[in-house]
Amino acid sequence: MTSSVLTVLRPGLVDYREAWEEQKRLHEGVVDGSQPDTVLLLEHPSVFTAGKRTEPADRPFDGTPVVDVDRGGKITWHGPGQLVGYPILRLPDPVDVVAYVRRVEQLLIDVCAEFGVPAERVEGRSGAWVKATDGGLDRKIAQIGIRVSRGVTLHGFALNCDCDLSNFDRFVPCGIRDAGVTSLSAELGRPVPVAEVLPVVERHLATLF
């Protein structure tokens, strides 16, 4: 999708490091005005990435390699069945990173609502959550990790659609020990592939501005 204000790219399954190089290229273009605001919507092969606040104890228990990145937040997993979005957007002046994160959260909450999953915010924790209703743990359904450089955003969000949630058992997800992880498929009891979710996310992207 391309409009006067936004380009959306859907490259499919992309290696994390390759996607990071593309993010940096697009970021330079948005900064210098040669590239319109752009969002990458894709999947990654299985990979662990660690933000700047990751503690040694948060890393995979089995010594699995981790890619260290310059976003906020702690460690997370990306892989097939998870829709990852990298908005490369110029924020309005004055730059308000918290307000932007809240807009990303609301996008994810609205997308989940379209599928009948009641996601919401949890105070003090970024992302979108399905609240516990049976005395169990709150369950994180979408992660957010953002960086803003020269007024333009990098990194973004990951929405668990139909991924293998056992990958999150190998580390402390986002450094949070008293919460669980879920997906659209787990909540709805049916497969919800990325291909079904992607157009819904794309339709909501205008809310990021």
N, C-alpha and C. Protein backbone atom coordinates (compact mmCIF):
# COMPACT_ATOMS: atom_id res chain seq x y z
N MET A 1 0.84 -1.19 0.00
CA MET A 1 0.00 0.00 0.00
C MET A 1 0.88 1.23 0.00
N THR A 2 0.58 2.19 -0.87
CA THR A 2 1.28 3.46 -0.91
C THR A 2 0.26 4.58 -0.94
N SER A 3 0.46 5.59 -0.13
CA SER A 3 -0.40 6.77 -0.16
C SER A 3 0.50 7.98 -0.13
N SER A 4 -0.11 9.17 -0.03
CA SER A 4 0.69 10.39 -0.01
C SER A 4 1.51 10.50 1.26
N VAL A 5 1.18 9.71 2.30
CA VAL A 5 1.89 9.85 3.57
C VAL A 5 2.56 8.56 4.03
N LEU A 6 2.24 7.43 3.43
CA LEU A 6 2.73 6.17 3.99
C LEU A 6 2.92 5.12 2.91
N THR A 7 4.06 4.41 3.01
CA THR A 7 4.31 3.24 2.16
C THR A 7 4.37 2.02 3.06
N VAL A 8 3.67 0.95 2.69
CA VAL A 8 3.70 -0.30 3.45
C VAL A 8 4.33 -1.38 2.59
N LEU A 9 5.39 -2.00 3.11
CA LEU A 9 6.11 -3.07 2.41
C LEU A 9 5.82 -4.39 3.11
N ARG A 10 5.58 -5.44 2.31
CA ARG A 10 5.24 -6.76 2.86
C ARG A 10 6.19 -7.79 2.28
N PRO A 11 7.44 -7.84 2.76
CA PRO A 11 8.45 -8.69 2.11
C PRO A 11 8.40 -10.17 2.49
N GLY A 12 7.49 -10.57 3.38
CA GLY A 12 7.40 -11.99 3.73
C GLY A 12 8.33 -12.38 4.86
N LEU A 13 9.01 -13.53 4.71
CA LEU A 13 9.93 -14.04 5.73
C LEU A 13 11.32 -13.47 5.47
N VAL A 14 11.84 -12.71 6.44
CA VAL A 14 13.10 -11.99 6.25
C VAL A 14 14.01 -12.21 7.46
N ASP A 15 15.26 -12.56 7.21
CA ASP A 15 16.25 -12.70 8.28
C ASP A 15 16.31 -11.42 9.11
N TYR A 16 16.46 -11.56 10.44
CA TYR A 16 16.42 -10.38 11.31
C TYR A 16 17.48 -9.36 10.93
N ARG A 17 18.72 -9.81 10.71
CA ARG A 17 19.80 -8.86 10.41
C ARG A 17 19.56 -8.17 9.07
N GLU A 18 19.02 -8.90 8.11
CA GLU A 18 18.71 -8.30 6.82
C GLU A 18 17.63 -7.22 6.98
N ALA A 19 16.62 -7.51 7.79
CA ALA A 19 15.56 -6.53 8.04
C ALA A 19 16.10 -5.31 8.77
N TRP A 20 17.07 -5.52 9.67
CA TRP A 20 17.67 -4.39 10.39
C TRP A 20 18.43 -3.49 9.42
N GLU A 21 19.15 -4.06 8.48
CA GLU A 21 19.85 -3.24 7.49
C GLU A 21 18.85 -2.44 6.65
N GLU A 22 17.72 -3.07 6.30
CA GLU A 22 16.70 -2.37 5.53
C GLU A 22 16.06 -1.25 6.36
N GLN A 23 15.83 -1.50 7.64
CA GLN A 23 15.33 -0.44 8.52
C GLN A 23 16.26 0.77 8.50
N LYS A 24 17.56 0.51 8.65
CA LYS A 24 18.52 1.62 8.69
C LYS A 24 18.54 2.38 7.37
N ARG A 25 18.43 1.66 6.26
CA ARG A 25 18.40 2.32 4.95
C ARG A 25 17.16 3.21 4.82
N LEU A 26 16.02 2.67 5.20
CA LEU A 26 14.78 3.44 5.12
C LEU A 26 14.81 4.63 6.08
N HIS A 27 15.39 4.41 7.27
CA HIS A 27 15.47 5.48 8.26
C HIS A 27 16.25 6.67 7.70
N GLU A 28 17.38 6.39 7.07
CA GLU A 28 18.17 7.48 6.48
C GLU A 28 17.35 8.23 5.43
N GLY A 29 16.57 7.48 4.65
CA GLY A 29 15.76 8.12 3.62
C GLY A 29 14.66 9.00 4.20
N VAL A 30 14.01 8.53 5.27
CA VAL A 30 12.97 9.35 5.90
C VAL A 30 13.59 10.58 6.56
N VAL A 31 14.76 10.41 7.18
CA VAL A 31 15.44 11.54 7.81
C VAL A 31 15.78 12.61 6.79
N ASP A 32 16.32 12.21 5.62
CA ASP A 32 16.76 13.23 4.64
C ASP A 32 15.65 13.63 3.66
N GLY A 33 14.47 13.03 3.81
CA GLY A 33 13.34 13.42 2.99
C GLY A 33 13.22 12.73 1.66
N SER A 34 14.13 11.79 1.35
CA SER A 34 14.07 11.09 0.07
C SER A 34 13.14 9.88 0.09
N GLN A 35 12.68 9.49 1.27
CA GLN A 35 11.83 8.31 1.45
C GLN A 35 10.59 8.70 2.25
N PRO A 36 9.39 8.32 1.80
CA PRO A 36 8.20 8.60 2.61
C PRO A 36 8.18 7.75 3.87
N ASP A 37 7.37 8.14 4.84
CA ASP A 37 7.14 7.28 5.99
C ASP A 37 6.79 5.88 5.50
N THR A 38 7.42 4.88 6.11
CA THR A 38 7.32 3.50 5.60
C THR A 38 7.13 2.53 6.76
N VAL A 39 6.33 1.50 6.53
CA VAL A 39 6.16 0.43 7.51
C VAL A 39 6.49 -0.89 6.85
N LEU A 40 7.38 -1.65 7.48
CA LEU A 40 7.68 -3.02 7.07
C LEU A 40 6.79 -3.97 7.88
N LEU A 41 6.05 -4.83 7.21
CA LEU A 41 5.25 -5.87 7.86
C LEU A 41 5.76 -7.21 7.38
N LEU A 42 6.28 -8.04 8.30
CA LEU A 42 6.99 -9.25 7.88
C LEU A 42 7.01 -10.29 8.99
N GLU A 43 7.63 -11.42 8.69
CA GLU A 43 7.94 -12.45 9.67
C GLU A 43 9.45 -12.68 9.66
N HIS A 44 9.97 -13.19 10.77
CA HIS A 44 11.38 -13.56 10.86
C HIS A 44 11.53 -15.07 11.05
N PRO A 45 12.60 -15.66 10.53
CA PRO A 45 13.00 -16.97 11.04
C PRO A 45 13.29 -16.85 12.54
N SER A 46 13.26 -17.94 13.25
CA SER A 46 13.39 -17.92 14.70
C SER A 46 14.67 -17.20 15.15
N VAL A 47 14.51 -16.21 16.05
CA VAL A 47 15.65 -15.41 16.52
C VAL A 47 15.29 -14.79 17.87
N PHE A 48 16.29 -14.68 18.75
CA PHE A 48 16.13 -13.95 20.00
C PHE A 48 16.83 -12.61 19.86
N THR A 49 16.17 -11.53 20.29
CA THR A 49 16.79 -10.21 20.26
C THR A 49 16.70 -9.58 21.64
N ALA A 50 17.75 -8.85 22.01
CA ALA A 50 17.84 -8.28 23.35
C ALA A 50 17.97 -6.76 23.25
N GLY A 51 17.04 -6.05 23.89
CA GLY A 51 17.10 -4.60 23.97
C GLY A 51 18.10 -4.15 25.01
N LYS A 52 18.20 -2.83 25.14
CA LYS A 52 19.26 -2.24 25.96
C LYS A 52 19.12 -2.52 27.46
N ARG A 53 17.92 -2.89 27.91
CA ARG A 53 17.72 -3.13 29.34
C ARG A 53 17.78 -4.60 29.72
N THR A 54 18.23 -5.45 28.81
CA THR A 54 18.28 -6.89 29.08
C THR A 54 19.34 -7.22 30.13
N GLU A 55 18.95 -8.00 31.13
CA GLU A 55 19.87 -8.46 32.17
C GLU A 55 20.41 -9.85 31.78
N PRO A 56 21.62 -10.19 32.25
CA PRO A 56 22.16 -11.53 31.93
C PRO A 56 21.21 -12.66 32.29
N ALA A 57 20.50 -12.53 33.41
CA ALA A 57 19.60 -13.60 33.86
C ALA A 57 18.36 -13.74 32.98
N ASP A 58 18.11 -12.74 32.12
CA ASP A 58 16.93 -12.80 31.25
C ASP A 58 17.18 -13.63 29.99
N ARG A 59 18.44 -13.90 29.68
CA ARG A 59 18.78 -14.54 28.40
C ARG A 59 18.41 -16.03 28.39
N PRO A 60 18.39 -16.66 27.21
CA PRO A 60 17.98 -18.07 27.13
C PRO A 60 18.77 -18.96 28.08
N PHE A 61 18.06 -19.85 28.73
CA PHE A 61 18.66 -20.70 29.75
C PHE A 61 19.63 -21.71 29.14
N ASP A 62 19.48 -22.00 27.84
CA ASP A 62 20.31 -23.02 27.20
C ASP A 62 21.49 -22.44 26.43
N GLY A 63 21.73 -21.13 26.58
CA GLY A 63 22.86 -20.51 25.91
C GLY A 63 22.64 -20.20 24.44
N THR A 64 21.41 -20.26 23.97
CA THR A 64 21.09 -19.94 22.58
C THR A 64 21.60 -18.54 22.23
N PRO A 65 22.22 -18.36 21.07
CA PRO A 65 22.72 -17.03 20.68
C PRO A 65 21.59 -15.99 20.63
N VAL A 66 21.94 -14.77 20.97
CA VAL A 66 20.99 -13.65 21.00
C VAL A 66 21.57 -12.49 20.20
N VAL A 67 20.74 -11.81 19.42
CA VAL A 67 21.15 -10.62 18.69
C VAL A 67 20.88 -9.41 19.58
N ASP A 68 21.93 -8.67 19.95
CA ASP A 68 21.76 -7.45 20.74
C ASP A 68 21.41 -6.29 19.82
N VAL A 69 20.36 -5.55 20.19
CA VAL A 69 19.86 -4.46 19.34
C VAL A 69 19.73 -3.18 20.16
N ASP A 70 19.59 -2.06 19.44
CA ASP A 70 19.62 -0.76 20.11
C ASP A 70 18.23 -0.20 20.39
N ARG A 71 17.23 -1.07 20.49
CA ARG A 71 15.89 -0.61 20.86
C ARG A 71 15.75 -0.58 22.37
N GLY A 72 14.64 -0.01 22.83
CA GLY A 72 14.31 -0.10 24.24
C GLY A 72 13.80 -1.49 24.58
N GLY A 73 13.57 -1.71 25.87
CA GLY A 73 13.02 -2.98 26.30
C GLY A 73 14.08 -4.02 26.58
N LYS A 74 13.62 -5.26 26.79
CA LYS A 74 14.51 -6.35 27.15
C LYS A 74 14.52 -7.40 26.06
N ILE A 75 14.58 -8.67 26.44
CA ILE A 75 14.74 -9.73 25.45
C ILE A 75 13.39 -10.24 24.97
N THR A 76 13.33 -10.64 23.71
CA THR A 76 12.13 -11.26 23.17
C THR A 76 12.51 -12.25 22.08
N TRP A 77 11.50 -12.97 21.61
CA TRP A 77 11.68 -13.93 20.51
C TRP A 77 10.86 -13.48 19.32
N HIS A 78 11.42 -13.65 18.12
CA HIS A 78 10.67 -13.47 16.88
C HIS A 78 10.76 -14.77 16.09
N GLY A 79 9.70 -15.07 15.35
CA GLY A 79 9.74 -16.27 14.53
C GLY A 79 8.49 -16.44 13.71
N PRO A 80 8.42 -17.51 12.93
CA PRO A 80 7.26 -17.76 12.08
C PRO A 80 5.96 -17.79 12.88
N GLY A 81 4.92 -17.24 12.28
CA GLY A 81 3.63 -17.16 12.96
C GLY A 81 3.45 -15.92 13.79
N GLN A 82 4.46 -15.06 13.80
CA GLN A 82 4.40 -13.79 14.52
C GLN A 82 4.52 -12.66 13.50
N LEU A 83 3.58 -11.72 13.52
CA LEU A 83 3.62 -10.58 12.61
C LEU A 83 4.43 -9.47 13.24
N VAL A 84 5.51 -9.08 12.58
CA VAL A 84 6.40 -8.03 13.07
C VAL A 84 6.19 -6.78 12.22
N GLY A 85 6.06 -5.65 12.89
CA GLY A 85 5.90 -4.38 12.19
C GLY A 85 7.00 -3.41 12.56
N TYR A 86 7.64 -2.84 11.55
CA TYR A 86 8.69 -1.84 11.77
C TYR A 86 8.25 -0.52 11.12
N PRO A 87 7.57 0.35 11.87
CA PRO A 87 7.22 1.66 11.33
C PRO A 87 8.44 2.59 11.34
N ILE A 88 8.78 3.13 10.18
CA ILE A 88 9.86 4.11 10.05
C ILE A 88 9.18 5.44 9.75
N LEU A 89 8.85 6.18 10.80
CA LEU A 89 7.98 7.34 10.69
C LEU A 89 8.63 8.57 11.30
N ARG A 90 8.42 9.72 10.67
CA ARG A 90 8.85 10.98 11.28
C ARG A 90 7.77 11.42 12.26
N LEU A 91 8.16 11.58 13.53
CA LEU A 91 7.22 12.02 14.54
C LEU A 91 7.08 13.54 14.51
N PRO A 92 5.90 14.04 14.85
CA PRO A 92 5.72 15.49 14.87
C PRO A 92 6.51 16.13 16.01
N ASP A 93 6.90 17.38 15.81
CA ASP A 93 7.55 18.15 16.88
C ASP A 93 6.47 18.73 17.80
N PRO A 94 6.74 18.80 19.11
CA PRO A 94 7.88 18.19 19.79
C PRO A 94 7.71 16.67 19.86
N VAL A 95 8.81 15.94 19.71
CA VAL A 95 8.77 14.48 19.69
C VAL A 95 8.31 13.96 21.06
N ASP A 96 7.28 13.14 21.05
CA ASP A 96 6.74 12.54 22.28
C ASP A 96 6.75 11.02 22.10
N VAL A 97 7.82 10.39 22.58
CA VAL A 97 7.98 8.95 22.37
C VAL A 97 6.90 8.16 23.11
N VAL A 98 6.57 8.58 24.32
CA VAL A 98 5.55 7.86 25.10
C VAL A 98 4.21 7.88 24.38
N ALA A 99 3.84 9.03 23.83
CA ALA A 99 2.57 9.11 23.10
C ALA A 99 2.58 8.20 21.88
N TYR A 100 3.73 8.10 21.22
CA TYR A 100 3.84 7.21 20.06
C TYR A 100 3.68 5.75 20.48
N VAL A 101 4.34 5.36 21.58
CA VAL A 101 4.20 3.98 22.07
C VAL A 101 2.74 3.68 22.40
N ARG A 102 2.04 4.65 22.99
CA ARG A 102 0.63 4.44 23.31
C ARG A 102 -0.19 4.25 22.04
N ARG A 103 0.15 4.96 20.96
CA ARG A 103 -0.58 4.77 19.70
C ARG A 103 -0.32 3.38 19.12
N VAL A 104 0.91 2.90 19.24
CA VAL A 104 1.22 1.54 18.78
C VAL A 104 0.43 0.53 19.61
N GLU A 105 0.42 0.72 20.92
CA GLU A 105 -0.37 -0.18 21.78
C GLU A 105 -1.83 -0.19 21.37
N GLN A 106 -2.39 0.99 21.10
CA GLN A 106 -3.81 1.06 20.75
C GLN A 106 -4.08 0.36 19.43
N LEU A 107 -3.16 0.50 18.47
CA LEU A 107 -3.30 -0.22 17.20
C LEU A 107 -3.42 -1.73 17.46
N LEU A 108 -2.53 -2.25 18.29
CA LEU A 108 -2.52 -3.68 18.58
C LEU A 108 -3.78 -4.11 19.32
N ILE A 109 -4.22 -3.30 20.26
CA ILE A 109 -5.45 -3.59 21.00
C ILE A 109 -6.65 -3.61 20.04
N ASP A 110 -6.70 -2.64 19.12
CA ASP A 110 -7.81 -2.57 18.17
C ASP A 110 -7.80 -3.77 17.22
N VAL A 111 -6.61 -4.19 16.78
CA VAL A 111 -6.52 -5.35 15.90
C VAL A 111 -7.02 -6.60 16.64
N CYS A 112 -6.55 -6.79 17.86
CA CYS A 112 -7.01 -7.95 18.64
C CYS A 112 -8.53 -7.92 18.80
N ALA A 113 -9.09 -6.74 19.04
CA ALA A 113 -10.53 -6.62 19.22
C ALA A 113 -11.29 -7.08 17.98
N GLU A 114 -10.74 -6.80 16.80
CA GLU A 114 -11.40 -7.23 15.57
C GLU A 114 -11.49 -8.75 15.48
N PHE A 115 -10.56 -9.42 16.14
CA PHE A 115 -10.59 -10.89 16.15
C PHE A 115 -11.32 -11.45 17.37
N GLY A 116 -11.89 -10.56 18.17
CA GLY A 116 -12.64 -11.01 19.34
C GLY A 116 -11.80 -11.31 20.55
N VAL A 117 -10.56 -10.81 20.57
CA VAL A 117 -9.66 -11.02 21.71
C VAL A 117 -9.58 -9.71 22.50
N PRO A 118 -9.96 -9.69 23.78
CA PRO A 118 -10.02 -8.46 24.57
C PRO A 118 -8.66 -8.06 25.14
N ALA A 119 -7.78 -7.56 24.30
CA ALA A 119 -6.47 -7.11 24.77
C ALA A 119 -6.59 -5.72 25.38
N GLU A 120 -5.64 -5.39 26.25
CA GLU A 120 -5.64 -4.08 26.89
C GLU A 120 -4.23 -3.74 27.36
N ARG A 121 -4.10 -2.54 27.92
CA ARG A 121 -2.82 -2.12 28.51
C ARG A 121 -2.73 -2.64 29.94
N VAL A 122 -1.49 -2.81 30.40
CA VAL A 122 -1.22 -3.09 31.80
C VAL A 122 -0.29 -1.99 32.30
N GLU A 123 -0.68 -1.32 33.36
CA GLU A 123 0.10 -0.19 33.86
C GLU A 123 1.54 -0.60 34.17
N GLY A 124 2.48 0.20 33.66
CA GLY A 124 3.89 -0.04 33.91
C GLY A 124 4.53 -1.05 32.99
N ARG A 125 3.75 -1.62 32.05
CA ARG A 125 4.27 -2.63 31.13
C ARG A 125 3.80 -2.30 29.71
N SER A 126 4.74 -2.23 28.78
CA SER A 126 4.37 -1.90 27.41
C SER A 126 3.77 -3.12 26.72
N GLY A 127 3.17 -2.89 25.57
CA GLY A 127 2.61 -3.98 24.79
C GLY A 127 1.11 -4.11 24.98
N ALA A 128 0.56 -5.20 24.45
CA ALA A 128 -0.87 -5.50 24.58
C ALA A 128 -1.01 -6.81 25.35
N TRP A 129 -1.98 -6.83 26.25
CA TRP A 129 -2.11 -7.93 27.20
C TRP A 129 -3.53 -8.46 27.23
N VAL A 130 -3.67 -9.76 27.50
CA VAL A 130 -4.95 -10.37 27.80
C VAL A 130 -4.96 -10.62 29.31
N LYS A 131 -5.87 -9.94 29.99
CA LYS A 131 -5.88 -9.99 31.45
C LYS A 131 -6.38 -11.35 31.94
N ALA A 132 -5.79 -11.78 33.06
CA ALA A 132 -6.21 -13.03 33.69
C ALA A 132 -7.63 -12.90 34.23
N THR A 133 -8.44 -13.92 34.03
CA THR A 133 -9.81 -13.91 34.55
C THR A 133 -10.07 -15.05 35.52
N ASP A 134 -9.08 -15.91 35.71
CA ASP A 134 -9.29 -17.10 36.54
C ASP A 134 -8.26 -17.22 37.65
N GLY A 135 -7.69 -16.07 38.03
CA GLY A 135 -6.66 -16.11 39.06
C GLY A 135 -5.29 -16.47 38.54
N GLY A 136 -5.16 -16.65 37.23
CA GLY A 136 -3.86 -16.98 36.64
C GLY A 136 -3.05 -15.73 36.34
N LEU A 137 -2.17 -15.84 35.36
CA LEU A 137 -1.28 -14.74 35.00
C LEU A 137 -1.84 -13.95 33.82
N ASP A 138 -1.58 -12.62 33.82
CA ASP A 138 -1.82 -11.84 32.62
C ASP A 138 -0.96 -12.42 31.50
N ARG A 139 -1.45 -12.35 30.26
CA ARG A 139 -0.76 -12.96 29.13
C ARG A 139 -0.45 -11.90 28.08
N LYS A 140 0.82 -11.79 27.71
CA LYS A 140 1.23 -10.80 26.72
C LYS A 140 1.00 -11.37 25.32
N ILE A 141 0.26 -10.62 24.50
CA ILE A 141 -0.03 -11.07 23.15
C ILE A 141 0.74 -10.27 22.11
N ALA A 142 1.28 -9.12 22.49
CA ALA A 142 2.05 -8.30 21.54
C ALA A 142 3.12 -7.52 22.29
N GLN A 143 4.31 -7.47 21.69
CA GLN A 143 5.46 -6.80 22.29
C GLN A 143 5.77 -5.51 21.51
N ILE A 144 6.34 -4.54 22.22
CA ILE A 144 6.75 -3.28 21.60
C ILE A 144 8.16 -2.95 22.05
N GLY A 145 9.01 -2.56 21.11
CA GLY A 145 10.35 -2.05 21.40
C GLY A 145 10.67 -0.96 20.41
N ILE A 146 10.88 0.25 20.88
CA ILE A 146 10.97 1.43 20.02
C ILE A 146 12.30 2.15 20.23
N ARG A 147 12.80 2.73 19.17
CA ARG A 147 13.88 3.71 19.26
C ARG A 147 13.52 4.88 18.36
N VAL A 148 13.86 6.09 18.78
CA VAL A 148 13.67 7.27 17.94
C VAL A 148 15.02 7.95 17.76
N SER A 149 15.42 8.15 16.51
CA SER A 149 16.69 8.80 16.19
C SER A 149 16.43 9.90 15.17
N ARG A 150 16.88 11.10 15.50
CA ARG A 150 16.69 12.28 14.64
C ARG A 150 15.22 12.47 14.26
N GLY A 151 14.36 12.19 15.23
CA GLY A 151 12.94 12.42 15.06
C GLY A 151 12.20 11.36 14.29
N VAL A 152 12.89 10.26 13.91
CA VAL A 152 12.29 9.20 13.10
C VAL A 152 12.37 7.87 13.86
N THR A 153 11.29 7.11 13.83
CA THR A 153 11.20 5.88 14.61
C THR A 153 11.93 4.72 13.94
N LEU A 154 12.35 3.77 14.78
CA LEU A 154 12.95 2.50 14.37
C LEU A 154 12.36 1.39 15.24
N HIS A 155 12.57 0.15 14.79
CA HIS A 155 12.04 -1.02 15.50
C HIS A 155 10.51 -0.92 15.54
N GLY A 156 9.84 -1.57 16.47
CA GLY A 156 8.39 -1.52 16.39
C GLY A 156 7.68 -2.51 17.27
N PHE A 157 6.86 -3.38 16.65
CA PHE A 157 5.98 -4.26 17.42
C PHE A 157 5.99 -5.67 16.84
N ALA A 158 5.54 -6.62 17.67
CA ALA A 158 5.40 -8.01 17.24
C ALA A 158 4.11 -8.55 17.84
N LEU A 159 3.22 -9.05 16.98
CA LEU A 159 1.94 -9.59 17.41
C LEU A 159 1.94 -11.10 17.21
N ASN A 160 1.72 -11.82 18.30
CA ASN A 160 1.70 -13.28 18.24
C ASN A 160 0.40 -13.75 17.59
N CYS A 161 0.51 -14.28 16.39
CA CYS A 161 -0.67 -14.74 15.65
C CYS A 161 -0.86 -16.24 15.82
N ASP A 162 0.03 -17.02 15.21
CA ASP A 162 -0.07 -18.48 15.24
C ASP A 162 1.32 -19.08 15.42
N CYS A 163 2.07 -18.54 16.38
CA CYS A 163 3.47 -18.96 16.57
C CYS A 163 3.57 -20.04 17.64
N ASP A 164 4.73 -20.67 17.69
CA ASP A 164 5.03 -21.71 18.68
C ASP A 164 5.40 -21.02 20.00
N LEU A 165 4.48 -20.98 20.93
CA LEU A 165 4.70 -20.26 22.18
C LEU A 165 5.74 -20.91 23.07
N SER A 166 6.12 -22.16 22.79
CA SER A 166 7.14 -22.81 23.62
C SER A 166 8.49 -22.10 23.51
N ASN A 167 8.69 -21.32 22.45
CA ASN A 167 9.94 -20.55 22.33
C ASN A 167 10.11 -19.57 23.48
N PHE A 168 9.00 -19.08 24.03
CA PHE A 168 9.07 -18.13 25.13
C PHE A 168 9.42 -18.80 26.45
N ASP A 169 9.39 -20.13 26.49
CA ASP A 169 9.75 -20.85 27.72
C ASP A 169 11.26 -20.92 27.92
N ARG A 170 12.03 -20.52 26.91
CA ARG A 170 13.48 -20.68 26.96
C ARG A 170 14.19 -19.48 27.58
N PHE A 171 13.45 -18.45 27.94
CA PHE A 171 14.04 -17.23 28.51
C PHE A 171 12.96 -16.52 29.31
N VAL A 172 13.30 -15.37 29.88
CA VAL A 172 12.32 -14.57 30.62
C VAL A 172 11.77 -13.52 29.65
N PRO A 173 10.57 -13.72 29.10
CA PRO A 173 10.07 -12.81 28.06
C PRO A 173 9.98 -11.36 28.54
N CYS A 174 10.67 -10.48 27.84
CA CYS A 174 10.67 -9.05 28.15
C CYS A 174 11.11 -8.78 29.58
N GLY A 175 11.82 -9.74 30.19
CA GLY A 175 12.31 -9.57 31.55
C GLY A 175 11.22 -9.62 32.61
N ILE A 176 10.02 -10.09 32.24
CA ILE A 176 8.89 -10.11 33.17
C ILE A 176 8.64 -11.54 33.62
N ARG A 177 8.81 -11.77 34.92
CA ARG A 177 8.75 -13.14 35.45
C ARG A 177 7.35 -13.54 35.93
N ASP A 178 6.47 -12.56 36.17
CA ASP A 178 5.17 -12.88 36.75
C ASP A 178 4.04 -12.70 35.73
N ALA A 179 4.29 -13.11 34.49
CA ALA A 179 3.27 -13.01 33.45
C ALA A 179 3.49 -14.12 32.44
N GLY A 180 2.46 -14.38 31.64
CA GLY A 180 2.55 -15.39 30.61
C GLY A 180 2.56 -14.78 29.22
N VAL A 181 2.52 -15.64 28.22
CA VAL A 181 2.52 -15.22 26.82
C VAL A 181 1.39 -15.97 26.12
N THR A 182 0.75 -15.31 25.16
CA THR A 182 -0.32 -15.95 24.42
C THR A 182 -0.29 -15.51 22.97
N SER A 183 -1.24 -16.00 22.19
CA SER A 183 -1.34 -15.66 20.77
C SER A 183 -2.82 -15.59 20.39
N LEU A 184 -3.10 -15.04 19.23
CA LEU A 184 -4.48 -15.04 18.75
C LEU A 184 -5.01 -16.46 18.62
N SER A 185 -4.18 -17.37 18.10
CA SER A 185 -4.60 -18.76 17.95
C SER A 185 -4.93 -19.39 19.30
N ALA A 186 -4.07 -19.15 20.30
CA ALA A 186 -4.28 -19.74 21.62
C ALA A 186 -5.56 -19.21 22.26
N GLU A 187 -5.82 -17.93 22.07
CA GLU A 187 -7.01 -17.33 22.68
C GLU A 187 -8.29 -17.77 21.99
N LEU A 188 -8.24 -17.95 20.68
CA LEU A 188 -9.45 -18.25 19.92
C LEU A 188 -9.68 -19.74 19.70
N GLY A 189 -8.65 -20.56 19.94
CA GLY A 189 -8.80 -21.99 19.76
C GLY A 189 -8.88 -22.42 18.32
N ARG A 190 -8.30 -21.62 17.43
CA ARG A 190 -8.23 -21.96 16.00
C ARG A 190 -6.99 -21.31 15.42
N PRO A 191 -6.46 -21.83 14.33
CA PRO A 191 -5.30 -21.19 13.70
C PRO A 191 -5.66 -19.80 13.17
N VAL A 192 -4.83 -18.81 13.52
CA VAL A 192 -5.00 -17.45 12.99
C VAL A 192 -3.68 -17.07 12.34
N PRO A 193 -3.48 -17.40 11.07
CA PRO A 193 -2.19 -17.18 10.42
C PRO A 193 -1.90 -15.71 10.21
N VAL A 194 -0.62 -15.41 10.04
CA VAL A 194 -0.19 -14.04 9.78
C VAL A 194 -0.91 -13.46 8.57
N ALA A 195 -1.12 -14.27 7.54
CA ALA A 195 -1.78 -13.78 6.33
C ALA A 195 -3.18 -13.25 6.60
N GLU A 196 -3.84 -13.78 7.61
CA GLU A 196 -5.18 -13.30 7.98
C GLU A 196 -5.11 -12.00 8.77
N VAL A 197 -4.05 -11.83 9.54
CA VAL A 197 -3.93 -10.67 10.43
C VAL A 197 -3.32 -9.47 9.72
N LEU A 198 -2.42 -9.71 8.79
CA LEU A 198 -1.66 -8.63 8.16
C LEU A 198 -2.55 -7.54 7.56
N PRO A 199 -3.58 -7.86 6.77
CA PRO A 199 -4.40 -6.79 6.21
C PRO A 199 -5.17 -5.99 7.26
N VAL A 200 -5.49 -6.63 8.38
CA VAL A 200 -6.17 -5.91 9.46
C VAL A 200 -5.22 -4.90 10.09
N VAL A 201 -3.98 -5.32 10.35
CA VAL A 201 -2.97 -4.39 10.87
C VAL A 201 -2.76 -3.25 9.89
N GLU A 202 -2.64 -3.57 8.62
CA GLU A 202 -2.38 -2.54 7.61
C GLU A 202 -3.49 -1.49 7.60
N ARG A 203 -4.72 -1.94 7.79
CA ARG A 203 -5.85 -1.02 7.78
C ARG A 203 -5.81 -0.04 8.96
N HIS A 204 -5.15 -0.45 10.05
CA HIS A 204 -5.10 0.40 11.25
C HIS A 204 -3.86 1.29 11.31
N LEU A 205 -2.96 1.19 10.35
CA LEU A 205 -1.68 1.90 10.45
C LEU A 205 -1.84 3.42 10.50
N ALA A 206 -2.90 3.96 9.92
CA ALA A 206 -3.08 5.41 9.93
C ALA A 206 -3.19 5.96 11.35
N THR A 207 -3.55 5.11 12.31
CA THR A 207 -3.70 5.58 13.69
C THR A 207 -2.36 5.89 14.35
N LEU A 208 -1.25 5.52 13.70
CA LEU A 208 0.07 5.80 14.28
C LEU A 208 0.45 7.27 14.13
N PHE A 209 -0.26 8.00 13.29
CA PHE A 209 0.10 9.41 13.06
C PHE A 209 -0.67 10.32 14.00
